[in-house]
Amino acid sequence: MKIIYSDVIGFCPGVNEAVYACKKDNYCLGEVIHNSETIERLKMLGTQFIEENDIYSTNLENEDIVIRAHGVEPKVYKKLKDAKANIIDKTCPNVKKAQILAGLYPLTKTIVIGDVKHPEIWGVLGNNPDALVFSKDIDEEAIKMISSNLKNTSIHLIGQTTLLESTYNNICKLFKKYHNKVLVSNTLCPETKKRQKALKKLCKKVDFIIIVGDKKSSNTNQLKILADNKEVPSIIVNNAHELNLDEISNYKKVGIAGGASTPRYLLEEVYNMLAMHVNVLYNKKVNICIK
């Protein structure tokens, strides 16, 4: 068996900075990133996680509180200031850019492409409550109807930072096809695009891919979609213990990839467990390829 790592693995810089801002005895508003393994580690180190509804019931005066990488709404900043908390804002710079752009063009109708249940989108909408949100799965007929309804208004498009580049570009093209006044903001995260590009490359080299990450993580799920689009079998696992080792051992070339919120050590644990299983139980040689 040959095991090949994706070219780009480990935390992205924004995630890395947010995670390391969480220290013993400080607070974090919501999950700092979508990775349950990391959250449990931080809890063990003493980070206290609270939600927006807990702000006034928790004594936060002069306490450090980290704003998660996904960002928050303006009203949440006000609550934290009212509570006299020391705000450590670790909103991803790309998310912050999307938030600012959402409120930058008041004479247009802003349309956000993304998951309305994701906290990143909540922060974007907080900067423009009149914006519309549509799923990445919006079809051409729906875009045609929306464009017709907004024919007398300019449209401003914003994409969730973790969308597949091809998905966002196709949606933008369709809006431009049916509407003559469309402004497109490039809000896709460069780090996410790097991982997507690396996964495309990996798909050409392997016949199975293990994607390590949390299923709540948007960027991790986009990697799975990309592998599906390339017709390469894949799975998402939180950690090595979720592997179906006997099934995976049937493949000759296995790739290992991870989302921007997946720490490198989790991918290494997946490799170690798979390599040991193949060596010990099947007496097969395992070759590792970093790139």
C-alpha atoms as a PDB file:
ATOM      1  CA  MET A   1       0.000   0.000   0.000  1.00  0.00           C
ATOM      2  CA  LYS A   2       1.133   3.535  -0.751  1.00  0.00           C
ATOM      3  CA  ILE A   3      -0.092   6.328   1.525  1.00  0.00           C
ATOM      4  CA  ILE A   4       0.121   9.858   0.168  1.00  0.00           C
ATOM      5  CA  TYR A   5      -0.418  13.036   2.169  1.00  0.00           C
ATOM      6  CA  SER A   6      -2.081  16.016   0.519  1.00  0.00           C
ATOM      7  CA  ASP A   7       0.370  18.831  -0.293  1.00  0.00           C
ATOM      8  CA  VAL A   8      -1.363  21.185   2.161  1.00  0.00           C
ATOM      9  CA  ILE A   9      -2.248  19.933   5.654  1.00  0.00           C
ATOM     10  CA  GLY A  10      -2.580  21.306   9.181  1.00  0.00           C
ATOM     11  CA  PHE A  11      -4.141  24.480  10.530  1.00  0.00           C
ATOM     12  CA  CYS A  12      -4.340  27.495   8.246  1.00  0.00           C
ATOM     13  CA  PRO A  13      -2.718  30.659   9.746  1.00  0.00           C
ATOM     14  CA  GLY A  14      -6.064  32.159  10.828  1.00  0.00           C
ATOM     15  CA  VAL A  15      -7.169  29.006  12.613  1.00  0.00           C
ATOM     16  CA  ASN A  16      -3.758  28.576  14.201  1.00  0.00           C
ATOM     17  CA  GLU A  17      -3.883  32.108  15.605  1.00  0.00           C
ATOM     18  CA  ALA A  18      -7.421  31.656  16.945  1.00  0.00           C
ATOM     19  CA  VAL A  19      -6.642  28.343  18.644  1.00  0.00           C
ATOM     20  CA  TYR A  20      -3.496  29.621  20.336  1.00  0.00           C
ATOM     21  CA  ALA A  21      -5.367  32.668  21.635  1.00  0.00           C
ATOM     22  CA  CYS A  22      -7.396  30.289  23.810  1.00  0.00           C
ATOM     23  CA  LYS A  23      -5.508  29.951  27.076  1.00  0.00           C
ATOM     24  CA  LYS A  24      -6.089  28.613  30.554  1.00  0.00           C
ATOM     25  CA  ASP A  25      -8.924  30.354  32.382  1.00  0.00           C
ATOM     26  CA  ASN A  26      -9.936  32.635  29.522  1.00  0.00           C
ATOM     27  CA  TYR A  27     -13.262  32.467  27.716  1.00  0.00           C
ATOM     28  CA  CYS A  28     -14.196  31.768  24.117  1.00  0.00           C
ATOM     29  CA  LEU A  29     -17.495  32.736  22.533  1.00  0.00           C
ATOM     30  CA  GLY A  30     -18.752  29.621  20.788  1.00  0.00           C
ATOM     31  CA  GLU A  31     -16.461  26.958  19.347  1.00  0.00           C
ATOM     32  CA  VAL A  32     -13.307  28.768  18.253  1.00  0.00           C
ATOM     33  CA  ILE A  33     -13.141  26.424  15.231  1.00  0.00           C
ATOM     34  CA  HIS A  34     -15.195  23.462  14.029  1.00  0.00           C
ATOM     35  CA  ASN A  35     -12.997  20.638  15.268  1.00  0.00           C
ATOM     36  CA  SER A  36     -14.260  18.657  18.234  1.00  0.00           C
ATOM     37  CA  GLU A  37     -10.853  17.117  18.983  1.00  0.00           C
ATOM     38  CA  THR A  38      -9.293  20.576  19.344  1.00  0.00           C
ATOM     39  CA  ILE A  39     -12.208  21.884  21.411  1.00  0.00           C
ATOM     40  CA  GLU A  40     -11.880  19.004  23.891  1.00  0.00           C
ATOM     41  CA  ARG A  41      -8.148  19.635  24.211  1.00  0.00           C
ATOM     42  CA  LEU A  42      -8.743  23.321  24.903  1.00  0.00           C
ATOM     43  CA  LYS A  43     -11.337  22.476  27.550  1.00  0.00           C
ATOM     44  CA  MET A  44      -8.805  20.212  29.250  1.00  0.00           C
ATOM     45  CA  LEU A  45      -6.332  23.116  29.232  1.00  0.00           C
ATOM     46  CA  GLY A  46      -8.893  25.343  30.960  1.00  0.00           C
ATOM     47  CA  THR A  47     -10.561  27.362  28.197  1.00  0.00           C
ATOM     48  CA  GLN A  48     -14.189  28.081  29.075  1.00  0.00           C
ATOM     49  CA  PHE A  49     -16.627  28.082  26.173  1.00  0.00           C
ATOM     50  CA  ILE A  50     -19.812  30.129  26.440  1.00  0.00           C
ATOM     51  CA  GLU A  51     -22.589  31.148  24.047  1.00  0.00           C
ATOM     52  CA  GLU A  52     -24.122  34.533  23.313  1.00  0.00           C
ATOM     53  CA  ASN A  53     -26.984  33.822  25.727  1.00  0.00           C
ATOM     54  CA  ASP A  54     -24.461  33.380  28.548  1.00  0.00           C
ATOM     55  CA  ILE A  55     -22.829  36.822  28.206  1.00  0.00           C
ATOM     56  CA  TYR A  56     -24.961  38.673  30.747  1.00  0.00           C
ATOM     57  CA  SER A  57     -25.217  35.752  33.172  1.00  0.00           C
ATOM     58  CA  THR A  58     -21.434  35.249  33.273  1.00  0.00           C
ATOM     59  CA  ASN A  59     -19.212  37.689  35.128  1.00  0.00           C
ATOM     60  CA  LEU A  60     -16.996  38.805  32.239  1.00  0.00           C
ATOM     61  CA  GLU A  61     -15.780  42.097  33.675  1.00  0.00           C
ATOM     62  CA  ASN A  62     -12.059  42.420  32.868  1.00  0.00           C
ATOM     63  CA  GLU A  63     -12.037  38.818  31.613  1.00  0.00           C
ATOM     64  CA  ASP A  64     -10.407  37.870  28.302  1.00  0.00           C
ATOM     65  CA  ILE A  65     -12.825  36.423  25.761  1.00  0.00           C
ATOM     66  CA  VAL A  66     -11.855  35.156  22.321  1.00  0.00           C
ATOM     67  CA  ILE A  67     -14.065  35.793  19.300  1.00  0.00           C
ATOM     68  CA  ARG A  68     -14.122  32.581  17.230  1.00  0.00           C
ATOM     69  CA  ALA A  69     -12.607  32.352  13.752  1.00  0.00           C
ATOM     70  CA  HIS A  70     -16.109  32.393  12.192  1.00  0.00           C
ATOM     71  CA  GLY A  71     -16.776  35.870  13.585  1.00  0.00           C
ATOM     72  CA  VAL A  72     -19.892  37.257  15.280  1.00  0.00           C
ATOM     73  CA  GLU A  73     -22.587  39.847  14.647  1.00  0.00           C
ATOM     74  CA  PRO A  74     -22.104  43.528  15.606  1.00  0.00           C
ATOM     75  CA  LYS A  75     -24.734  43.171  18.347  1.00  0.00           C
ATOM     76  CA  VAL A  76     -22.546  40.559  20.046  1.00  0.00           C
ATOM     77  CA  TYR A  77     -19.600  42.979  20.233  1.00  0.00           C
ATOM     78  CA  LYS A  78     -21.934  45.463  21.920  1.00  0.00           C
ATOM     79  CA  LYS A  79     -23.018  42.893  24.491  1.00  0.00           C
ATOM     80  CA  LEU A  80     -19.410  42.042  25.301  1.00  0.00           C
ATOM     81  CA  LYS A  81     -18.531  45.729  25.676  1.00  0.00           C
ATOM     82  CA  ASP A  82     -21.546  46.205  27.938  1.00  0.00           C
ATOM     83  CA  ALA A  83     -20.253  43.291  30.019  1.00  0.00           C
ATOM     84  CA  LYS A  84     -16.834  45.056  30.199  1.00  0.00           C
ATOM     85  CA  ALA A  85     -15.030  42.022  28.789  1.00  0.00           C
ATOM     86  CA  ASN A  86     -11.574  42.211  27.206  1.00  0.00           C
ATOM     87  CA  ILE A  87     -12.304  41.226  23.600  1.00  0.00           C
ATOM     88  CA  ILE A  88      -9.646  39.206  21.762  1.00  0.00           C
ATOM     89  CA  ASP A  89     -10.968  39.267  18.206  1.00  0.00           C
ATOM     90  CA  LYS A  90      -9.701  36.264  16.242  1.00  0.00           C
ATOM     91  CA  THR A  91     -12.193  36.501  13.403  1.00  0.00           C
ATOM     92  CA  CYS A  92     -10.536  35.102  10.285  1.00  0.00           C
ATOM     93  CA  PRO A  93      -9.376  38.065   8.123  1.00  0.00           C
ATOM     94  CA  ASN A  94     -11.219  36.603   5.126  1.00  0.00           C
ATOM     95  CA  VAL A  95     -14.444  36.343   7.128  1.00  0.00           C
ATOM     96  CA  LYS A  96     -13.956  39.903   8.363  1.00  0.00           C
ATOM     97  CA  LYS A  97     -13.574  41.000   4.735  1.00  0.00           C
ATOM     98  CA  ALA A  98     -16.911  39.353   3.838  1.00  0.00           C
ATOM     99  CA  GLN A  99     -18.590  41.069   6.811  1.00  0.00           C
ATOM    100  CA  ILE A 100     -17.330  44.481   5.717  1.00  0.00           C
ATOM    101  CA  LEU A 101     -18.295  43.919   2.075  1.00  0.00           C
ATOM    102  CA  ALA A 102     -21.811  42.879   3.120  1.00  0.00           C
ATOM    103  CA  GLY A 103     -22.516  46.398   4.372  1.00  0.00           C
ATOM    104  CA  LEU A 104     -20.501  48.318   1.802  1.00  0.00           C
ATOM    105  CA  TYR A 105     -23.047  48.714  -1.016  1.00  0.00           C
ATOM    106  CA  PRO A 106     -26.343  49.983   0.458  1.00  0.00           C
ATOM    107  CA  LEU A 107     -27.885  50.719  -2.937  1.00  0.00           C
ATOM    108  CA  THR A 108     -27.594  47.099  -4.087  1.00  0.00           C
ATOM    109  CA  LYS A 109     -29.344  43.913  -3.023  1.00  0.00           C
ATOM    110  CA  THR A 110     -26.691  41.721  -1.421  1.00  0.00           C
ATOM    111  CA  ILE A 111     -27.060  37.996  -2.000  1.00  0.00           C
ATOM    112  CA  VAL A 112     -24.990  35.638   0.129  1.00  0.00           C
ATOM    113  CA  ILE A 113     -24.275  32.129  -1.140  1.00  0.00           C
ATOM    114  CA  GLY A 114     -23.736  29.784   1.782  1.00  0.00           C
ATOM    115  CA  ASP A 115     -25.196  27.848   4.686  1.00  0.00           C
ATOM    116  CA  VAL A 116     -27.609  29.990   6.698  1.00  0.00           C
ATOM    117  CA  LYS A 117     -27.055  27.705   9.709  1.00  0.00           C
ATOM    118  CA  HIS A 118     -23.303  28.408   9.756  1.00  0.00           C
ATOM    119  CA  PRO A 119     -22.028  31.062  12.239  1.00  0.00           C
ATOM    120  CA  GLU A 120     -19.944  32.728   9.530  1.00  0.00           C
ATOM    121  CA  ILE A 121     -23.133  33.620   7.687  1.00  0.00           C
ATOM    122  CA  TRP A 122     -24.738  34.960  10.878  1.00  0.00           C
ATOM    123  CA  GLY A 123     -21.882  37.450  11.209  1.00  0.00           C
ATOM    124  CA  VAL A 124     -22.201  38.504   7.567  1.00  0.00           C
ATOM    125  CA  LEU A 125     -25.955  39.021   7.902  1.00  0.00           C
ATOM    126  CA  GLY A 126     -25.403  41.024  11.075  1.00  0.00           C
ATOM    127  CA  ASN A 127     -23.695  43.617   8.892  1.00  0.00           C
ATOM    128  CA  ASN A 128     -26.555  43.609   6.383  1.00  0.00           C
ATOM    129  CA  PRO A 129     -29.871  42.310   7.782  1.00  0.00           C
ATOM    130  CA  ASP A 130     -31.577  42.928   4.419  1.00  0.00           C
ATOM    131  CA  ALA A 131     -29.286  40.543   2.542  1.00  0.00           C
ATOM    132  CA  LEU A 132     -30.696  37.358   1.022  1.00  0.00           C
ATOM    133  CA  VAL A 133     -29.100  33.968   1.634  1.00  0.00           C
ATOM    134  CA  PHE A 134     -29.221  31.052  -0.777  1.00  0.00           C
ATOM    135  CA  SER A 135     -27.647  27.627  -0.588  1.00  0.00           C
ATOM    136  CA  LYS A 136     -24.746  26.624  -2.826  1.00  0.00           C
ATOM    137  CA  ASP A 137     -27.228  24.147  -4.351  1.00  0.00           C
ATOM    138  CA  ILE A 138     -29.369  26.913  -5.868  1.00  0.00           C
ATOM    139  CA  ASP A 139     -30.320  25.954  -9.419  1.00  0.00           C
ATOM    140  CA  GLU A 140     -30.484  27.944 -12.639  1.00  0.00           C
ATOM    141  CA  GLU A 141     -34.273  28.285 -12.614  1.00  0.00           C
ATOM    142  CA  ALA A 142     -34.202  29.833  -9.138  1.00  0.00           C
ATOM    143  CA  ILE A 143     -31.433  32.236 -10.173  1.00  0.00           C
ATOM    144  CA  LYS A 144     -33.438  33.239 -13.237  1.00  0.00           C
ATOM    145  CA  MET A 145     -36.505  33.980 -11.079  1.00  0.00           C
ATOM    146  CA  ILE A 146     -34.509  35.952  -8.475  1.00  0.00           C
ATOM    147  CA  SER A 147     -32.829  37.976 -11.213  1.00  0.00           C
ATOM    148  CA  SER A 148     -36.210  38.783 -12.747  1.00  0.00           C
ATOM    149  CA  ASN A 149     -37.631  39.889  -9.393  1.00  0.00           C
ATOM    150  CA  LEU A 150     -34.625  42.163  -8.849  1.00  0.00           C
ATOM    151  CA  LYS A 151     -34.465  43.494 -12.419  1.00  0.00           C
ATOM    152  CA  ASN A 152     -34.599  47.127 -11.253  1.00  0.00           C
ATOM    153  CA  THR A 153     -31.901  46.675  -8.587  1.00  0.00           C
ATOM    154  CA  SER A 154     -28.187  46.001  -8.771  1.00  0.00           C
ATOM    155  CA  ILE A 155     -27.088  42.679  -7.269  1.00  0.00           C
ATOM    156  CA  HIS A 156     -24.046  42.204  -5.048  1.00  0.00           C
ATOM    157  CA  LEU A 157     -22.840  38.609  -4.609  1.00  0.00           C
ATOM    158  CA  ILE A 158     -20.874  37.327  -1.616  1.00  0.00           C
ATOM    159  CA  GLY A 159     -19.797  33.718  -1.113  1.00  0.00           C
ATOM    160  CA  GLN A 160     -19.156  31.864   2.120  1.00  0.00           C
ATOM    161  CA  THR A 161     -15.373  31.764   2.427  1.00  0.00           C
ATOM    162  CA  THR A 162     -15.178  27.956   2.318  1.00  0.00           C
ATOM    163  CA  LEU A 163     -17.213  27.337  -0.845  1.00  0.00           C
ATOM    164  CA  LEU A 164     -15.719  25.375  -3.713  1.00  0.00           C
ATOM    165  CA  GLU A 165     -14.324  27.921  -6.152  1.00  0.00           C
ATOM    166  CA  SER A 166     -16.037  26.196  -9.094  1.00  0.00           C
ATOM    167  CA  THR A 167     -19.404  26.252  -7.305  1.00  0.00           C
ATOM    168  CA  TYR A 168     -19.243  29.972  -6.521  1.00  0.00           C
ATOM    169  CA  ASN A 169     -17.973  30.860 -10.003  1.00  0.00           C
ATOM    170  CA  ASN A 170     -20.788  28.911 -11.679  1.00  0.00           C
ATOM    171  CA  ILE A 171     -23.431  30.627  -9.543  1.00  0.00           C
ATOM    172  CA  CYS A 172     -21.944  34.051 -10.326  1.00  0.00           C
ATOM    173  CA  LYS A 173     -21.944  33.267 -14.058  1.00  0.00           C
ATOM    174  CA  LEU A 174     -25.626  32.341 -13.929  1.00  0.00           C
ATOM    175  CA  PHE A 175     -26.564  35.570 -12.155  1.00  0.00           C
ATOM    176  CA  LYS A 176     -24.649  37.516 -14.797  1.00  0.00           C
ATOM    177  CA  LYS A 177     -26.475  35.553 -17.492  1.00  0.00           C
ATOM    178  CA  TYR A 178     -29.896  36.695 -16.253  1.00  0.00           C
ATOM    179  CA  HIS A 179     -29.096  40.111 -14.749  1.00  0.00           C
ATOM    180  CA  ASN A 180     -27.129  42.978 -16.283  1.00  0.00           C
ATOM    181  CA  LYS A 181     -26.017  44.668 -13.037  1.00  0.00           C
ATOM    182  CA  VAL A 182     -24.108  42.139 -10.955  1.00  0.00           C
ATOM    183  CA  LEU A 183     -21.179  42.974  -8.685  1.00  0.00           C
ATOM    184  CA  VAL A 184     -19.195  39.929  -7.549  1.00  0.00           C
ATOM    185  CA  SER A 185     -17.049  40.092  -4.406  1.00  0.00           C
ATOM    186  CA  ASN A 186     -14.210  37.596  -4.215  1.00  0.00           C
ATOM    187  CA  THR A 187     -14.652  36.408  -0.641  1.00  0.00           C
ATOM    188  CA  LEU A 188     -13.333  32.855  -1.004  1.00  0.00           C
ATOM    189  CA  CYS A 189     -10.526  32.024   1.394  1.00  0.00           C
ATOM    190  CA  PRO A 190      -7.095  31.558  -0.281  1.00  0.00           C
ATOM    191  CA  GLU A 191      -6.146  28.897   2.286  1.00  0.00           C
ATOM    192  CA  THR A 192      -9.309  26.952   1.500  1.00  0.00           C
ATOM    193  CA  LYS A 193      -8.545  27.202  -2.222  1.00  0.00           C
ATOM    194  CA  LYS A 194      -5.024  25.867  -1.591  1.00  0.00           C
ATOM    195  CA  ARG A 195      -6.457  22.770   0.096  1.00  0.00           C
ATOM    196  CA  GLN A 196      -8.997  22.272  -2.672  1.00  0.00           C
ATOM    197  CA  LYS A 197      -6.270  22.537  -5.317  1.00  0.00           C
ATOM    198  CA  ALA A 198      -4.111  20.065  -3.394  1.00  0.00           C
ATOM    199  CA  LEU A 199      -7.025  17.617  -3.135  1.00  0.00           C
ATOM    200  CA  LYS A 200      -7.599  17.763  -6.913  1.00  0.00           C
ATOM    201  CA  LYS A 201      -3.948  16.839  -7.360  1.00  0.00           C
ATOM    202  CA  LEU A 202      -4.257  14.038  -4.793  1.00  0.00           C
ATOM    203  CA  CYS A 203      -7.306  12.600  -6.579  1.00  0.00           C
ATOM    204  CA  LYS A 204      -5.108  11.838  -9.607  1.00  0.00           C
ATOM    205  CA  LYS A 205      -2.692   9.785  -7.513  1.00  0.00           C
ATOM    206  CA  VAL A 206      -4.892   7.587  -5.291  1.00  0.00           C
ATOM    207  CA  ASP A 207      -7.926   5.314  -5.388  1.00  0.00           C
ATOM    208  CA  PHE A 208      -9.243   6.251  -1.917  1.00  0.00           C
ATOM    209  CA  ILE A 209      -9.019   9.373   0.260  1.00  0.00           C
ATOM    210  CA  ILE A 210      -9.326   9.741   4.025  1.00  0.00           C
ATOM    211  CA  ILE A 211     -10.392  13.297   4.853  1.00  0.00           C
ATOM    212  CA  VAL A 212      -9.635  14.082   8.483  1.00  0.00           C
ATOM    213  CA  GLY A 213     -11.830  16.723  10.093  1.00  0.00           C
ATOM    214  CA  ASP A 214     -15.061  17.547  11.837  1.00  0.00           C
ATOM    215  CA  LYS A 215     -18.296  16.996   9.931  1.00  0.00           C
ATOM    216  CA  LYS A 216     -19.453  20.418  11.167  1.00  0.00           C
ATOM    217  CA  SER A 217     -16.516  21.988   9.346  1.00  0.00           C
ATOM    218  CA  SER A 218     -17.608  23.585   6.084  1.00  0.00           C
ATOM    219  CA  ASN A 219     -14.155  23.488   4.503  1.00  0.00           C
ATOM    220  CA  THR A 220     -13.794  19.795   5.393  1.00  0.00           C
ATOM    221  CA  ASN A 221     -17.160  18.967   3.828  1.00  0.00           C
ATOM    222  CA  GLN A 222     -16.200  20.845   0.668  1.00  0.00           C
ATOM    223  CA  LEU A 223     -13.180  18.549   0.285  1.00  0.00           C
ATOM    224  CA  LYS A 224     -15.506  15.547   0.431  1.00  0.00           C
ATOM    225  CA  ILE A 225     -17.728  17.092  -2.256  1.00  0.00           C
ATOM    226  CA  LEU A 226     -14.677  17.728  -4.410  1.00  0.00           C
ATOM    227  CA  ALA A 227     -13.531  14.114  -4.086  1.00  0.00           C
ATOM    228  CA  ASP A 228     -17.052  12.956  -4.991  1.00  0.00           C
ATOM    229  CA  ASN A 229     -17.009  15.210  -8.054  1.00  0.00           C
ATOM    230  CA  LYS A 230     -13.725  13.579  -9.113  1.00  0.00           C
ATOM    231  CA  GLU A 231     -15.320  10.144  -8.535  1.00  0.00           C
ATOM    232  CA  VAL A 232     -12.699   9.132  -5.978  1.00  0.00           C
ATOM    233  CA  PRO A 233     -14.146   7.193  -2.993  1.00  0.00           C
ATOM    234  CA  SER A 234     -13.602   9.047   0.273  1.00  0.00           C
ATOM    235  CA  ILE A 235     -14.647   9.284   3.908  1.00  0.00           C
ATOM    236  CA  ILE A 236     -14.560  11.967   6.598  1.00  0.00           C
ATOM    237  CA  VAL A 237     -13.273  10.904  10.017  1.00  0.00           C
ATOM    238  CA  ASN A 238     -12.738  12.915  13.193  1.00  0.00           C
ATOM    239  CA  ASN A 239      -9.815  10.779  14.243  1.00  0.00           C
ATOM    240  CA  ALA A 240      -7.988   7.500  13.586  1.00  0.00           C
ATOM    241  CA  HIS A 241     -10.373   5.493  15.770  1.00  0.00           C
ATOM    242  CA  GLU A 242     -13.204   6.032  13.275  1.00  0.00           C
ATOM    243  CA  LEU A 243     -11.357   4.232  10.459  1.00  0.00           C
ATOM    244  CA  ASN A 244     -12.734   1.036   8.980  1.00  0.00           C
ATOM    245  CA  LEU A 245      -9.253  -0.430   8.634  1.00  0.00           C
ATOM    246  CA  ASP A 246     -10.199  -3.721   7.007  1.00  0.00           C
ATOM    247  CA  GLU A 247     -12.124  -1.977   4.245  1.00  0.00           C
ATOM    248  CA  ILE A 248      -9.432   0.644   3.591  1.00  0.00           C
ATOM    249  CA  SER A 249      -6.724  -2.036   3.498  1.00  0.00           C
ATOM    250  CA  ASN A 250      -8.172  -3.259   0.189  1.00  0.00           C
ATOM    251  CA  TYR A 251      -6.938  -0.124  -1.589  1.00  0.00           C
ATOM    252  CA  LYS A 252      -3.433   0.125  -3.048  1.00  0.00           C
ATOM    253  CA  LYS A 253      -3.063   3.914  -2.974  1.00  0.00           C
ATOM    254  CA  VAL A 254      -4.636   5.869  -0.133  1.00  0.00           C
ATOM    255  CA  GLY A 255      -4.581   9.635   0.234  1.00  0.00           C
ATOM    256  CA  ILE A 256      -4.817  11.562   3.504  1.00  0.00           C
ATOM    257  CA  ALA A 257      -6.143  15.128   3.508  1.00  0.00           C
ATOM    258  CA  GLY A 258      -7.563  17.508   6.077  1.00  0.00           C
ATOM    259  CA  GLY A 259      -9.521  20.715   6.355  1.00  0.00           C
ATOM    260  CA  ALA A 260      -8.055  24.058   7.407  1.00  0.00           C
ATOM    261  CA  SER A 261      -9.323  23.450  10.946  1.00  0.00           C
ATOM    262  CA  THR A 262      -7.726  20.006  11.299  1.00  0.00           C
ATOM    263  CA  PRO A 263      -4.453  19.861  13.269  1.00  0.00           C
ATOM    264  CA  ARG A 264      -1.601  18.025  11.582  1.00  0.00           C
ATOM    265  CA  TYR A 265      -1.199  15.471  14.382  1.00  0.00           C
ATOM    266  CA  LEU A 266      -4.657  14.010  13.643  1.00  0.00           C
ATOM    267  CA  LEU A 267      -3.592  13.198  10.071  1.00  0.00           C
ATOM    268  CA  GLU A 268      -0.376  11.662  11.360  1.00  0.00           C
ATOM    269  CA  GLU A 269      -2.344   9.461  13.774  1.00  0.00           C
ATOM    270  CA  VAL A 270      -4.496   8.258  10.868  1.00  0.00           C
ATOM    271  CA  TYR A 271      -1.370   7.353   8.915  1.00  0.00           C
ATOM    272  CA  ASN A 272       0.230   5.561  11.878  1.00  0.00           C
ATOM    273  CA  MET A 273      -2.847   3.475  12.630  1.00  0.00           C
ATOM    274  CA  LEU A 274      -3.425   2.534   8.978  1.00  0.00           C
ATOM    275  CA  ALA A 275       0.246   1.672   8.378  1.00  0.00           C
ATOM    276  CA  MET A 276       0.451  -0.449  11.524  1.00  0.00           C
ATOM    277  CA  HIS A 277      -2.760  -2.310  10.657  1.00  0.00           C
ATOM    278  CA  VAL A 278      -1.605  -3.104   7.125  1.00  0.00           C
ATOM    279  CA  ASN A 279       1.874  -4.172   8.261  1.00  0.00           C
ATOM    280  CA  VAL A 280       0.843  -6.335  11.202  1.00  0.00           C
ATOM    281  CA  LEU A 281      -2.354  -7.976   9.976  1.00  0.00           C
ATOM    282  CA  TYR A 282      -1.718  -8.188   6.250  1.00  0.00           C
ATOM    283  CA  ASN A 283       2.075  -8.236   6.187  1.00  0.00           C
ATOM    284  CA  LYS A 284       1.992  -5.659   3.398  1.00  0.00           C
ATOM    285  CA  LYS A 285       4.700  -3.110   2.848  1.00  0.00           C
ATOM    286  CA  VAL A 286       3.620   0.492   3.375  1.00  0.00           C
ATOM    287  CA  ASN A 287       5.285   3.310   1.479  1.00  0.00           C
ATOM    288  CA  ILE A 288       4.698   6.849   2.677  1.00  0.00           C
ATOM    289  CA  CYS A 289       4.805   9.804   0.328  1.00  0.00           C
ATOM    290  CA  ILE A 290       4.665  13.258   1.911  1.00  0.00           C
ATOM    291  CA  LYS A 291       3.809  14.910  -1.422  1.00  0.00           C
END
